Amino acid sequence: MSIKNILCFGDSNTWGFVPGAFDPETLYMKRYSILERWPGLLRDMLGADYHIIEEGLNGRTTNVEYPDLSGRSGTSYILPCLYSHSPLDLIILNIGINDTKVIFERSIIEISEGMAEIIDLIRSTSYGPDMQGPPQILLLSPSALTHEGYIDQNNESAFKGGMEKSLSFNKYYKKIALEKDCHYVNLQAIVKYSEIDGLHYDKRGHAVIASVVASKIKEIFS
């Protein structure tokens, strides 16, 4: 089997943000090592026949930008990202939880439409195997917020009102996956965010995601 190139395109939970490590005053944060975060674990589980590419960015959204922080919209970066790593066999999308932040005032329907826009952009490319058509897509539904206590740099609850929205991710993302012929894994059913900050996975969570995603990838390419 030829080596499969797989891109993990996500937010802080793909980057490996350690729960509770963020200091809103100093902006200090901590990242899990490559041997602890799920893309790195995935690389070890799948072995040499798979090339795992990490593209996790803290704060990344589907298709909206922060008023004071540029470059976080998935739609603004997905095309150059795909081009730079092409050819690709599979793209894993793990985005959406940041769209539930109070600053954006988005409904779950609007968030889902943002994800659909990313998928449509991927489908419009020829960055798949042999640069002939688009790569396959594996969509991951974010876990539900465990609480809304995550404090941002303004010492305010960044996700006030976001829990209810996050509980609906599976319903809407599963529908998108079916409509747009994407592979799908519902993370809400298998792993929870840490109780420490309600938003990020602990080491066990990363290990669970890697295991489930590895099994799905083997199924896709079997």
N, C-alpha and C. Protein backbone atom coordinates (compact mmCIF):
# COMPACT_ATOMS: atom_id res chain seq x y z
N MET A 1 0.85 -1.21 0.00
CA MET A 1 0.00 0.00 0.00
C MET A 1 0.87 1.25 0.00
N SER A 2 0.53 2.21 -0.85
CA SER A 2 1.26 3.47 -0.86
C SER A 2 0.96 4.24 0.42
N ILE A 3 1.89 5.10 0.81
CA ILE A 3 1.71 5.88 2.02
C ILE A 3 0.52 6.82 1.88
N LYS A 4 -0.36 6.83 2.89
CA LYS A 4 -1.53 7.69 2.88
C LYS A 4 -1.22 8.99 3.62
N ASN A 5 -1.46 10.11 2.95
CA ASN A 5 -1.24 11.42 3.56
C ASN A 5 -2.54 11.91 4.19
N ILE A 6 -2.51 12.14 5.49
CA ILE A 6 -3.72 12.50 6.23
C ILE A 6 -3.50 13.81 6.99
N LEU A 7 -4.37 14.78 6.73
CA LEU A 7 -4.27 16.09 7.36
C LEU A 7 -5.29 16.21 8.50
N CYS A 8 -4.84 16.56 9.69
CA CYS A 8 -5.71 16.79 10.84
C CYS A 8 -5.90 18.30 10.99
N PHE A 9 -7.06 18.79 10.57
CA PHE A 9 -7.34 20.23 10.55
C PHE A 9 -8.31 20.55 11.68
N GLY A 10 -7.80 21.23 12.72
CA GLY A 10 -8.65 21.46 13.88
C GLY A 10 -8.28 22.69 14.68
N ASP A 11 -8.77 22.71 15.90
CA ASP A 11 -8.57 23.85 16.80
C ASP A 11 -7.60 23.48 17.92
N SER A 12 -7.81 24.05 19.11
CA SER A 12 -6.90 23.81 20.22
C SER A 12 -6.87 22.36 20.68
N ASN A 13 -7.95 21.62 20.42
CA ASN A 13 -7.96 20.22 20.81
C ASN A 13 -7.21 19.34 19.83
N THR A 14 -6.90 19.85 18.67
CA THR A 14 -5.99 19.18 17.76
C THR A 14 -4.56 19.65 18.03
N TRP A 15 -4.43 20.91 18.39
CA TRP A 15 -3.12 21.47 18.77
C TRP A 15 -2.56 20.80 20.03
N GLY A 16 -3.46 20.42 20.96
CA GLY A 16 -3.03 19.75 22.18
C GLY A 16 -3.01 20.63 23.41
N PHE A 17 -3.97 21.54 23.52
CA PHE A 17 -4.05 22.48 24.64
C PHE A 17 -4.32 21.72 25.95
N VAL A 18 -3.48 21.97 26.95
CA VAL A 18 -3.63 21.30 28.25
C VAL A 18 -4.72 21.99 29.06
N PRO A 19 -5.75 21.26 29.51
CA PRO A 19 -6.84 21.87 30.27
C PRO A 19 -6.34 22.61 31.51
N GLY A 20 -6.83 23.82 31.72
CA GLY A 20 -6.49 24.59 32.90
C GLY A 20 -5.15 25.28 32.85
N ALA A 21 -4.44 25.17 31.72
CA ALA A 21 -3.10 25.74 31.63
C ALA A 21 -3.10 27.20 31.20
N PHE A 22 -4.27 27.74 30.83
CA PHE A 22 -4.32 29.10 30.33
C PHE A 22 -4.45 30.12 31.45
N ASP A 23 -3.58 31.12 31.44
CA ASP A 23 -3.64 32.23 32.39
C ASP A 23 -4.11 33.46 31.63
N PRO A 24 -5.32 33.96 31.91
CA PRO A 24 -5.86 35.11 31.15
C PRO A 24 -5.07 36.39 31.31
N GLU A 25 -4.25 36.49 32.36
CA GLU A 25 -3.47 37.71 32.58
C GLU A 25 -2.16 37.68 31.80
N THR A 26 -1.46 36.55 31.84
CA THR A 26 -0.17 36.45 31.16
C THR A 26 -0.29 35.80 29.77
N LEU A 27 -1.46 35.21 29.49
CA LEU A 27 -1.72 34.46 28.26
C LEU A 27 -0.85 33.21 28.15
N TYR A 28 -0.33 32.77 29.30
CA TYR A 28 0.46 31.53 29.33
C TYR A 28 -0.43 30.35 28.99
N MET A 29 0.10 29.40 28.22
CA MET A 29 -0.61 28.18 27.91
C MET A 29 0.39 27.04 27.78
N LYS A 30 -0.11 25.83 27.85
CA LYS A 30 0.76 24.65 27.78
C LYS A 30 0.20 23.67 26.76
N ARG A 31 1.10 23.01 26.05
CA ARG A 31 0.72 22.07 25.00
C ARG A 31 1.20 20.66 25.33
N TYR A 32 0.30 19.69 25.11
CA TYR A 32 0.72 18.30 25.25
C TYR A 32 1.80 17.99 24.23
N SER A 33 2.69 17.06 24.56
CA SER A 33 3.75 16.67 23.65
C SER A 33 3.17 15.89 22.47
N ILE A 34 3.97 15.70 21.45
CA ILE A 34 3.51 14.98 20.27
C ILE A 34 3.15 13.54 20.61
N LEU A 35 3.70 13.02 21.70
CA LEU A 35 3.40 11.65 22.12
C LEU A 35 2.16 11.57 23.01
N GLU A 36 1.54 12.74 23.27
CA GLU A 36 0.36 12.79 24.14
C GLU A 36 -0.90 13.27 23.41
N ARG A 37 -0.74 14.14 22.42
CA ARG A 37 -1.92 14.66 21.72
C ARG A 37 -2.36 13.68 20.63
N TRP A 38 -3.65 13.72 20.29
CA TRP A 38 -4.21 12.65 19.46
C TRP A 38 -3.59 12.49 18.07
N PRO A 39 -3.20 13.56 17.36
CA PRO A 39 -2.57 13.32 16.06
C PRO A 39 -1.24 12.56 16.18
N GLY A 40 -0.47 12.86 17.23
CA GLY A 40 0.79 12.16 17.44
C GLY A 40 0.56 10.70 17.82
N LEU A 41 -0.42 10.45 18.67
CA LEU A 41 -0.77 9.08 19.03
C LEU A 41 -1.28 8.32 17.82
N LEU A 42 -2.05 9.01 16.99
CA LEU A 42 -2.57 8.42 15.77
C LEU A 42 -1.43 7.95 14.87
N ARG A 43 -0.39 8.75 14.78
CA ARG A 43 0.78 8.42 13.96
C ARG A 43 1.40 7.11 14.45
N ASP A 44 1.52 6.96 15.76
CA ASP A 44 2.12 5.75 16.31
C ASP A 44 1.22 4.53 16.10
N MET A 45 -0.09 4.72 16.22
CA MET A 45 -1.04 3.62 16.08
C MET A 45 -1.11 3.10 14.66
N LEU A 46 -1.02 4.00 13.68
CA LEU A 46 -1.18 3.61 12.28
C LEU A 46 0.11 3.11 11.65
N GLY A 47 1.23 3.62 12.10
CA GLY A 47 2.51 3.14 11.60
C GLY A 47 3.00 3.84 10.35
N ALA A 48 4.01 3.25 9.73
CA ALA A 48 4.75 3.90 8.65
C ALA A 48 3.97 4.03 7.35
N ASP A 49 2.86 3.34 7.22
CA ASP A 49 2.07 3.44 5.98
C ASP A 49 1.20 4.70 5.93
N TYR A 50 1.23 5.49 7.01
CA TYR A 50 0.41 6.69 7.08
C TYR A 50 1.25 7.88 7.50
N HIS A 51 1.10 8.99 6.77
CA HIS A 51 1.78 10.24 7.11
C HIS A 51 0.75 11.18 7.72
N ILE A 52 0.87 11.44 9.02
CA ILE A 52 -0.10 12.27 9.73
C ILE A 52 0.43 13.70 9.84
N ILE A 53 -0.36 14.64 9.32
CA ILE A 53 0.04 16.06 9.30
C ILE A 53 -0.83 16.83 10.29
N GLU A 54 -0.22 17.53 11.22
CA GLU A 54 -0.95 18.29 12.23
C GLU A 54 -1.17 19.73 11.79
N GLU A 55 -2.43 20.16 11.84
CA GLU A 55 -2.78 21.56 11.55
C GLU A 55 -3.81 22.02 12.59
N GLY A 56 -3.39 22.03 13.84
CA GLY A 56 -4.24 22.52 14.93
C GLY A 56 -3.90 23.96 15.25
N LEU A 57 -4.92 24.79 15.46
CA LEU A 57 -4.71 26.21 15.77
C LEU A 57 -5.67 26.63 16.88
N ASN A 58 -5.13 27.17 17.94
CA ASN A 58 -5.96 27.64 19.05
C ASN A 58 -6.95 28.70 18.58
N GLY A 59 -8.22 28.52 18.94
CA GLY A 59 -9.24 29.50 18.60
C GLY A 59 -9.85 29.36 17.22
N ARG A 60 -9.40 28.37 16.46
CA ARG A 60 -9.90 28.25 15.08
C ARG A 60 -11.42 28.04 15.06
N THR A 61 -12.08 28.70 14.11
CA THR A 61 -13.52 28.61 13.92
C THR A 61 -13.81 28.01 12.54
N THR A 62 -15.10 27.86 12.23
CA THR A 62 -15.45 27.38 10.89
C THR A 62 -15.25 28.48 9.86
N ASN A 63 -15.96 29.60 10.01
CA ASN A 63 -15.86 30.65 8.99
C ASN A 63 -16.05 32.07 9.52
N VAL A 64 -15.72 32.30 10.79
CA VAL A 64 -15.81 33.66 11.34
C VAL A 64 -14.47 34.05 11.94
N GLU A 65 -14.19 35.36 11.92
CA GLU A 65 -12.96 35.89 12.50
C GLU A 65 -13.27 36.65 13.78
N TYR A 66 -12.32 36.65 14.70
CA TYR A 66 -12.42 37.44 15.92
C TYR A 66 -12.19 38.91 15.57
N PRO A 67 -12.83 39.82 16.30
CA PRO A 67 -12.63 41.24 16.00
C PRO A 67 -11.20 41.72 16.25
N ASP A 68 -10.48 41.03 17.13
CA ASP A 68 -9.13 41.48 17.48
C ASP A 68 -8.07 40.41 17.24
N LEU A 69 -8.42 39.37 16.46
CA LEU A 69 -7.49 38.26 16.23
C LEU A 69 -7.75 37.68 14.85
N SER A 70 -6.82 37.87 13.94
CA SER A 70 -7.05 37.43 12.56
C SER A 70 -6.49 36.03 12.32
N GLY A 71 -6.91 35.44 11.22
CA GLY A 71 -6.36 34.15 10.79
C GLY A 71 -6.94 32.93 11.45
N ARG A 72 -8.06 33.08 12.15
CA ARG A 72 -8.64 31.93 12.85
C ARG A 72 -9.78 31.27 12.10
N SER A 73 -10.27 31.89 11.05
CA SER A 73 -11.36 31.31 10.28
C SER A 73 -10.88 30.14 9.44
N GLY A 74 -11.55 29.00 9.57
CA GLY A 74 -11.16 27.83 8.80
C GLY A 74 -11.27 28.04 7.31
N THR A 75 -12.31 28.74 6.88
CA THR A 75 -12.50 28.96 5.45
C THR A 75 -11.42 29.84 4.83
N SER A 76 -10.80 30.70 5.63
CA SER A 76 -9.78 31.60 5.09
C SER A 76 -8.43 30.90 4.91
N TYR A 77 -8.26 29.76 5.58
CA TYR A 77 -6.95 29.10 5.54
C TYR A 77 -6.97 27.71 4.91
N ILE A 78 -8.13 27.12 4.76
CA ILE A 78 -8.19 25.73 4.34
C ILE A 78 -7.56 25.50 2.96
N LEU A 79 -7.80 26.38 2.00
CA LEU A 79 -7.28 26.15 0.65
C LEU A 79 -5.75 26.23 0.56
N PRO A 80 -5.11 27.30 1.08
CA PRO A 80 -3.64 27.29 1.05
C PRO A 80 -3.04 26.16 1.88
N CYS A 81 -3.74 25.78 2.95
CA CYS A 81 -3.27 24.68 3.79
C CYS A 81 -3.26 23.37 3.00
N LEU A 82 -4.35 23.10 2.30
CA LEU A 82 -4.44 21.88 1.49
C LEU A 82 -3.38 21.88 0.40
N TYR A 83 -3.23 23.02 -0.25
CA TYR A 83 -2.26 23.11 -1.35
C TYR A 83 -0.84 22.82 -0.85
N SER A 84 -0.50 23.37 0.30
CA SER A 84 0.87 23.22 0.81
C SER A 84 1.18 21.78 1.21
N HIS A 85 0.16 21.00 1.56
CA HIS A 85 0.39 19.62 2.00
C HIS A 85 -0.03 18.59 0.96
N SER A 86 -0.52 19.04 -0.18
CA SER A 86 -1.01 18.12 -1.21
C SER A 86 0.14 17.30 -1.83
N PRO A 87 -0.19 16.11 -2.38
CA PRO A 87 -1.54 15.51 -2.45
C PRO A 87 -1.94 14.87 -1.11
N LEU A 88 -3.24 14.88 -0.86
CA LEU A 88 -3.77 14.35 0.39
C LEU A 88 -4.80 13.26 0.11
N ASP A 89 -4.76 12.22 0.93
CA ASP A 89 -5.74 11.14 0.80
C ASP A 89 -6.97 11.38 1.66
N LEU A 90 -6.77 12.04 2.80
CA LEU A 90 -7.86 12.24 3.75
C LEU A 90 -7.63 13.50 4.57
N ILE A 91 -8.71 14.23 4.81
CA ILE A 91 -8.68 15.38 5.71
C ILE A 91 -9.62 15.09 6.87
N ILE A 92 -9.11 15.25 8.09
CA ILE A 92 -9.93 15.09 9.29
C ILE A 92 -10.28 16.47 9.80
N LEU A 93 -11.56 16.77 9.88
CA LEU A 93 -12.03 18.08 10.34
C LEU A 93 -12.54 17.98 11.76
N ASN A 94 -11.97 18.79 12.65
CA ASN A 94 -12.38 18.79 14.05
C ASN A 94 -12.51 20.25 14.51
N ILE A 95 -13.55 20.91 14.06
CA ILE A 95 -13.76 22.34 14.32
C ILE A 95 -15.22 22.59 14.67
N GLY A 96 -15.46 23.68 15.39
CA GLY A 96 -16.83 24.10 15.64
C GLY A 96 -17.09 24.59 17.05
N ILE A 97 -16.35 24.06 18.02
CA ILE A 97 -16.65 24.42 19.41
C ILE A 97 -16.39 25.90 19.67
N ASN A 98 -15.37 26.48 19.03
CA ASN A 98 -15.09 27.90 19.25
C ASN A 98 -16.19 28.81 18.69
N ASP A 99 -16.93 28.30 17.70
CA ASP A 99 -18.04 29.08 17.13
C ASP A 99 -19.17 29.29 18.14
N THR A 100 -19.19 28.49 19.22
CA THR A 100 -20.24 28.65 20.23
C THR A 100 -19.92 29.76 21.24
N LYS A 101 -18.78 30.41 21.08
CA LYS A 101 -18.40 31.49 22.00
C LYS A 101 -19.43 32.62 21.95
N VAL A 102 -19.65 33.23 23.08
CA VAL A 102 -20.65 34.29 23.19
C VAL A 102 -20.33 35.47 22.27
N ILE A 103 -19.06 35.70 21.99
CA ILE A 103 -18.66 36.84 21.16
C ILE A 103 -19.23 36.75 19.75
N PHE A 104 -19.47 35.54 19.27
CA PHE A 104 -19.94 35.37 17.89
C PHE A 104 -21.47 35.37 17.76
N GLU A 105 -22.16 35.08 18.84
CA GLU A 105 -23.63 35.07 18.85
C GLU A 105 -24.19 34.21 17.70
N ARG A 106 -23.64 33.02 17.55
CA ARG A 106 -24.05 32.15 16.44
C ARG A 106 -24.99 31.05 16.92
N SER A 107 -25.91 30.67 16.05
CA SER A 107 -26.77 29.53 16.32
C SER A 107 -26.06 28.27 15.84
N ILE A 108 -26.52 27.11 16.28
CA ILE A 108 -25.92 25.85 15.84
C ILE A 108 -26.13 25.67 14.33
N ILE A 109 -27.21 26.21 13.81
CA ILE A 109 -27.44 26.13 12.36
C ILE A 109 -26.39 26.94 11.60
N GLU A 110 -26.07 28.14 12.08
CA GLU A 110 -25.05 28.97 11.45
C GLU A 110 -23.68 28.30 11.53
N ILE A 111 -23.41 27.68 12.67
CA ILE A 111 -22.14 26.97 12.84
C ILE A 111 -22.03 25.82 11.85
N SER A 112 -23.12 25.08 11.71
CA SER A 112 -23.15 23.96 10.78
C SER A 112 -22.97 24.43 9.34
N GLU A 113 -23.55 25.56 9.02
CA GLU A 113 -23.38 26.12 7.68
C GLU A 113 -21.91 26.50 7.44
N GLY A 114 -21.24 26.96 8.50
CA GLY A 114 -19.81 27.26 8.39
C GLY A 114 -19.00 26.02 8.09
N MET A 115 -19.34 24.93 8.76
CA MET A 115 -18.64 23.67 8.49
C MET A 115 -18.93 23.19 7.07
N ALA A 116 -20.17 23.32 6.63
CA ALA A 116 -20.53 22.93 5.27
C ALA A 116 -19.73 23.73 4.24
N GLU A 117 -19.47 25.00 4.54
CA GLU A 117 -18.69 25.85 3.64
C GLU A 117 -17.27 25.32 3.51
N ILE A 118 -16.68 24.91 4.63
CA ILE A 118 -15.33 24.34 4.58
C ILE A 118 -15.31 23.09 3.71
N ILE A 119 -16.29 22.23 3.90
CA ILE A 119 -16.36 20.99 3.13
C ILE A 119 -16.52 21.29 1.64
N ASP A 120 -17.35 22.27 1.31
CA ASP A 120 -17.53 22.64 -0.10
C ASP A 120 -16.23 23.15 -0.71
N LEU A 121 -15.45 23.90 0.06
CA LEU A 121 -14.17 24.38 -0.43
C LEU A 121 -13.22 23.22 -0.70
N ILE A 122 -13.19 22.25 0.21
CA ILE A 122 -12.35 21.07 0.01
C ILE A 122 -12.77 20.31 -1.25
N ARG A 123 -14.07 20.16 -1.41
CA ARG A 123 -14.61 19.43 -2.56
C ARG A 123 -14.30 20.13 -3.89
N SER A 124 -14.03 21.43 -3.84
CA SER A 124 -13.77 22.18 -5.07
C SER A 124 -12.33 22.03 -5.56
N THR A 125 -11.48 21.35 -4.79
CA THR A 125 -10.05 21.28 -5.11
C THR A 125 -9.68 20.01 -5.88
N SER A 126 -8.46 20.01 -6.34
CA SER A 126 -7.87 18.81 -6.95
C SER A 126 -6.61 18.43 -6.17
N TYR A 127 -6.70 18.53 -4.85
CA TYR A 127 -5.56 18.26 -3.98
C TYR A 127 -5.59 16.87 -3.37
N GLY A 128 -6.39 15.98 -3.96
CA GLY A 128 -6.47 14.60 -3.50
C GLY A 128 -5.34 13.76 -4.08
N PRO A 129 -5.48 12.43 -3.97
CA PRO A 129 -4.44 11.53 -4.49
C PRO A 129 -4.14 11.80 -5.96
N ASP A 130 -2.85 11.88 -6.28
CA ASP A 130 -2.39 12.12 -7.65
C ASP A 130 -2.87 13.47 -8.20
N MET A 131 -3.34 14.34 -7.30
CA MET A 131 -3.82 15.67 -7.70
C MET A 131 -4.95 15.57 -8.72
N GLN A 132 -5.79 14.56 -8.54
CA GLN A 132 -6.94 14.34 -9.41
C GLN A 132 -8.20 14.31 -8.54
N GLY A 133 -8.86 15.42 -8.41
CA GLY A 133 -10.04 15.49 -7.56
C GLY A 133 -9.68 15.73 -6.10
N PRO A 134 -10.70 15.92 -5.25
CA PRO A 134 -10.47 16.25 -3.84
C PRO A 134 -10.15 15.03 -2.99
N PRO A 135 -9.56 15.25 -1.83
CA PRO A 135 -9.34 14.15 -0.89
C PRO A 135 -10.64 13.75 -0.21
N GLN A 136 -10.63 12.59 0.43
CA GLN A 136 -11.77 12.18 1.24
C GLN A 136 -11.79 13.03 2.53
N ILE A 137 -12.95 13.06 3.17
CA ILE A 137 -13.13 13.88 4.37
C ILE A 137 -13.69 13.03 5.50
N LEU A 138 -13.09 13.15 6.67
CA LEU A 138 -13.62 12.54 7.90
C LEU A 138 -14.00 13.68 8.84
N LEU A 139 -15.28 13.81 9.10
CA LEU A 139 -15.80 14.87 9.97
C LEU A 139 -15.98 14.35 11.38
N LEU A 140 -15.40 15.06 12.35
CA LEU A 140 -15.55 14.72 13.76
C LEU A 140 -16.48 15.72 14.42
N SER A 141 -17.51 15.23 15.09
CA SER A 141 -18.39 16.12 15.84
C SER A 141 -17.72 16.47 17.16
N PRO A 142 -17.60 17.76 17.51
CA PRO A 142 -17.00 18.13 18.79
C PRO A 142 -17.78 17.55 19.96
N SER A 143 -17.09 17.31 21.05
CA SER A 143 -17.77 16.93 22.29
C SER A 143 -18.58 18.11 22.80
N ALA A 144 -19.52 17.83 23.69
CA ALA A 144 -20.31 18.91 24.30
C ALA A 144 -19.51 19.55 25.43
N LEU A 145 -19.64 20.85 25.60
CA LEU A 145 -19.02 21.52 26.73
C LEU A 145 -19.48 20.86 28.03
N THR A 146 -18.56 20.63 28.95
CA THR A 146 -18.94 20.04 30.23
C THR A 146 -19.42 21.11 31.21
N HIS A 147 -18.98 22.34 31.00
CA HIS A 147 -19.51 23.50 31.73
C HIS A 147 -19.11 24.76 30.97
N GLU A 148 -19.57 25.92 31.41
CA GLU A 148 -19.33 27.17 30.70
C GLU A 148 -18.39 28.09 31.48
N GLY A 149 -17.50 27.50 32.26
CA GLY A 149 -16.65 28.29 33.14
C GLY A 149 -15.33 28.73 32.56
N TYR A 150 -15.07 28.40 31.30
CA TYR A 150 -13.79 28.79 30.70
C TYR A 150 -13.69 30.31 30.63
N ILE A 151 -12.62 30.86 31.20
CA ILE A 151 -12.42 32.31 31.28
C ILE A 151 -11.45 32.77 30.22
N ASP A 152 -11.84 33.81 29.48
CA ASP A 152 -10.97 34.33 28.43
C ASP A 152 -10.04 35.41 28.97
N GLN A 153 -9.30 36.06 28.08
CA GLN A 153 -8.32 37.07 28.50
C GLN A 153 -8.97 38.31 29.11
N ASN A 154 -10.29 38.44 28.96
CA ASN A 154 -11.01 39.56 29.58
C ASN A 154 -11.66 39.16 30.90
N ASN A 155 -11.26 37.99 31.40
CA ASN A 155 -11.80 37.45 32.65
C ASN A 155 -13.32 37.32 32.60
N GLU A 156 -13.82 36.92 31.46
CA GLU A 156 -15.25 36.69 31.28
C GLU A 156 -15.47 35.26 30.78
N SER A 157 -16.67 34.75 31.00
CA SER A 157 -17.01 33.42 30.50
C SER A 157 -17.12 33.47 28.98
N ALA A 158 -16.19 32.80 28.31
CA ALA A 158 -16.14 32.87 26.85
C ALA A 158 -17.27 32.09 26.19
N PHE A 159 -17.81 31.11 26.92
CA PHE A 159 -18.79 30.21 26.31
C PHE A 159 -20.17 30.28 26.97
N LYS A 160 -20.50 31.41 27.56
CA LYS A 160 -21.80 31.54 28.20
C LYS A 160 -22.91 31.28 27.18
N GLY A 161 -23.76 30.31 27.49
CA GLY A 161 -24.83 29.93 26.58
C GLY A 161 -24.42 28.91 25.53
N GLY A 162 -23.17 28.50 25.57
CA GLY A 162 -22.65 27.60 24.54
C GLY A 162 -22.94 26.14 24.76
N MET A 163 -23.23 25.76 26.00
CA MET A 163 -23.43 24.34 26.28
C MET A 163 -24.61 23.76 25.51
N GLU A 164 -25.71 24.47 25.50
CA GLU A 164 -26.90 23.99 24.80
C GLU A 164 -26.60 23.82 23.30
N LYS A 165 -25.88 24.76 22.72
CA LYS A 165 -25.53 24.65 21.31
C LYS A 165 -24.65 23.43 21.07
N SER A 166 -23.66 23.24 21.93
CA SER A 166 -22.71 22.16 21.74
C SER A 166 -23.37 20.78 21.82
N LEU A 167 -24.45 20.68 22.56
CA LEU A 167 -25.16 19.40 22.67
C LEU A 167 -25.81 18.99 21.35
N SER A 168 -25.96 19.94 20.43
CA SER A 168 -26.62 19.65 19.15
C SER A 168 -25.64 19.38 18.01
N PHE A 169 -24.35 19.36 18.29
CA PHE A 169 -23.38 19.16 17.22
C PHE A 169 -23.62 17.86 16.46
N ASN A 170 -23.83 16.77 17.18
CA ASN A 170 -24.00 15.49 16.51
C ASN A 170 -25.18 15.51 15.53
N LYS A 171 -26.28 16.08 15.96
CA LYS A 171 -27.47 16.12 15.10
C LYS A 171 -27.18 16.82 13.77
N TYR A 172 -26.54 17.97 13.84
CA TYR A 172 -26.32 18.77 12.63
C TYR A 172 -25.11 18.32 11.83
N TYR A 173 -24.03 17.92 12.50
CA TYR A 173 -22.85 17.48 11.78
C TYR A 173 -23.09 16.14 11.08
N LYS A 174 -23.83 15.26 11.72
CA LYS A 174 -24.15 13.98 11.10
C LYS A 174 -24.95 14.20 9.81
N LYS A 175 -25.87 15.15 9.86
CA LYS A 175 -26.67 15.48 8.68
C LYS A 175 -25.79 16.00 7.55
N ILE A 176 -24.83 16.86 7.89
CA ILE A 176 -23.90 17.39 6.89
C ILE A 176 -23.08 16.26 6.28
N ALA A 177 -22.59 15.37 7.13
CA ALA A 177 -21.76 14.26 6.65
C ALA A 177 -22.54 13.39 5.66
N LEU A 178 -23.80 13.14 5.95
CA LEU A 178 -24.63 12.33 5.05
C LEU A 178 -24.89 13.05 3.73
N GLU A 179 -25.20 14.35 3.83
CA GLU A 179 -25.51 15.12 2.62
C GLU A 179 -24.30 15.30 1.72
N LYS A 180 -23.12 15.41 2.32
CA LYS A 180 -21.92 15.74 1.54
C LYS A 180 -20.95 14.56 1.42
N ASP A 181 -21.46 13.37 1.74
CA ASP A 181 -20.70 12.13 1.54
C ASP A 181 -19.35 12.16 2.26
N CYS A 182 -19.39 12.53 3.54
CA CYS A 182 -18.19 12.51 4.38
C CYS A 182 -18.24 11.32 5.33
N HIS A 183 -17.09 10.81 5.68
CA HIS A 183 -17.02 9.85 6.77
C HIS A 183 -17.30 10.62 8.07
N TYR A 184 -17.73 9.91 9.10
CA TYR A 184 -18.18 10.63 10.29
C TYR A 184 -17.90 9.85 11.57
N VAL A 185 -17.48 10.58 12.61
CA VAL A 185 -17.35 10.04 13.96
C VAL A 185 -17.94 11.05 14.93
N ASN A 186 -18.83 10.59 15.79
CA ASN A 186 -19.45 11.44 16.80
C ASN A 186 -18.64 11.36 18.09
N LEU A 187 -17.78 12.36 18.33
CA LEU A 187 -16.95 12.35 19.53
C LEU A 187 -17.77 12.50 20.81
N GLN A 188 -18.95 13.10 20.70
CA GLN A 188 -19.78 13.28 21.90
C GLN A 188 -20.13 11.95 22.54
N ALA A 189 -20.22 10.92 21.73
CA ALA A 189 -20.63 9.61 22.22
C ALA A 189 -19.49 8.84 22.88
N ILE A 190 -18.25 9.30 22.70
CA ILE A 190 -17.13 8.49 23.17
C ILE A 190 -16.18 9.20 24.13
N VAL A 191 -16.20 10.54 24.15
CA VAL A 191 -15.22 11.24 24.98
C VAL A 191 -15.77 12.59 25.44
N LYS A 192 -15.40 12.99 26.66
CA LYS A 192 -15.83 14.26 27.21
C LYS A 192 -14.64 15.19 27.41
N TYR A 193 -14.93 16.49 27.39
CA TYR A 193 -13.90 17.45 27.74
C TYR A 193 -13.60 17.34 29.24
N SER A 194 -12.41 17.79 29.60
CA SER A 194 -12.01 17.77 31.00
C SER A 194 -12.90 18.67 31.85
N GLU A 195 -13.18 18.24 33.07
CA GLU A 195 -13.94 19.07 34.00
C GLU A 195 -13.14 20.28 34.46
N ILE A 196 -11.83 20.25 34.24
CA ILE A 196 -10.98 21.34 34.70
C ILE A 196 -11.36 22.66 34.04
N ASP A 197 -11.51 22.64 32.70
CA ASP A 197 -11.92 23.89 32.03
C ASP A 197 -13.17 23.72 31.17
N GLY A 198 -13.68 22.49 31.07
CA GLY A 198 -14.92 22.24 30.34
C GLY A 198 -14.80 22.28 28.84
N LEU A 199 -13.58 22.46 28.32
CA LEU A 199 -13.39 22.76 26.90
C LEU A 199 -12.32 21.91 26.22
N HIS A 200 -11.35 21.43 26.97
CA HIS A 200 -10.23 20.72 26.36
C HIS A 200 -10.11 19.29 26.90
N TYR A 201 -9.52 18.42 26.08
CA TYR A 201 -9.37 17.02 26.46
C TYR A 201 -8.15 16.80 27.34
N ASP A 202 -8.27 15.88 28.28
CA ASP A 202 -7.10 15.46 29.05
C ASP A 202 -6.37 14.37 28.26
N LYS A 203 -5.31 13.84 28.84
CA LYS A 203 -4.50 12.85 28.12
C LYS A 203 -5.32 11.63 27.74
N ARG A 204 -6.18 11.20 28.64
CA ARG A 204 -7.02 10.03 28.34
C ARG A 204 -7.94 10.33 27.16
N GLY A 205 -8.49 11.55 27.13
CA GLY A 205 -9.36 11.93 26.02
C GLY A 205 -8.65 11.87 24.69
N HIS A 206 -7.41 12.37 24.66
CA HIS A 206 -6.63 12.32 23.42
C HIS A 206 -6.38 10.87 23.00
N ALA A 207 -6.10 10.01 23.96
CA ALA A 207 -5.85 8.60 23.65
C ALA A 207 -7.09 7.92 23.08
N VAL A 208 -8.25 8.25 23.64
CA VAL A 208 -9.51 7.68 23.16
C VAL A 208 -9.78 8.12 21.72
N ILE A 209 -9.61 9.42 21.45
CA ILE A 209 -9.84 9.94 20.10
C ILE A 209 -8.90 9.26 19.10
N ALA A 210 -7.63 9.16 19.46
CA ALA A 210 -6.66 8.54 18.55
C ALA A 210 -7.06 7.10 18.23
N SER A 211 -7.50 6.36 19.22
CA SER A 211 -7.87 4.96 19.02
C SER A 211 -9.08 4.83 18.10
N VAL A 212 -10.10 5.64 18.34
CA VAL A 212 -11.32 5.57 17.53
C VAL A 212 -11.05 6.04 16.11
N VAL A 213 -10.31 7.11 15.96
CA VAL A 213 -10.00 7.64 14.63
C VAL A 213 -9.10 6.68 13.86
N ALA A 214 -8.16 6.04 14.54
CA ALA A 214 -7.30 5.07 13.87
C ALA A 214 -8.12 3.92 13.30
N SER A 215 -9.08 3.44 14.07
CA SER A 215 -9.96 2.35 13.60
C SER A 215 -10.77 2.80 12.39
N LYS A 216 -11.26 4.04 12.44
CA LYS A 216 -12.05 4.57 11.32
C LYS A 216 -11.20 4.70 10.06
N ILE A 217 -9.97 5.16 10.21
CA ILE A 217 -9.08 5.32 9.06
C ILE A 217 -8.78 3.97 8.42
N LYS A 218 -8.54 2.97 9.23
CA LYS A 218 -8.28 1.63 8.69
C LYS A 218 -9.50 1.12 7.94
N GLU A 219 -10.68 1.46 8.45
CA GLU A 219 -11.92 1.07 7.77
C GLU A 219 -12.05 1.79 6.42
N ILE A 220 -11.70 3.07 6.40
CA ILE A 220 -11.81 3.86 5.17
C ILE A 220 -10.91 3.31 4.08
N PHE A 221 -9.71 2.91 4.45
CA PHE A 221 -8.73 2.48 3.45
C PHE A 221 -8.60 0.96 3.33
N SER A 222 -9.54 0.25 3.90
CA SER A 222 -9.49 -1.22 3.81
C SER A 222 -9.94 -1.70 2.43
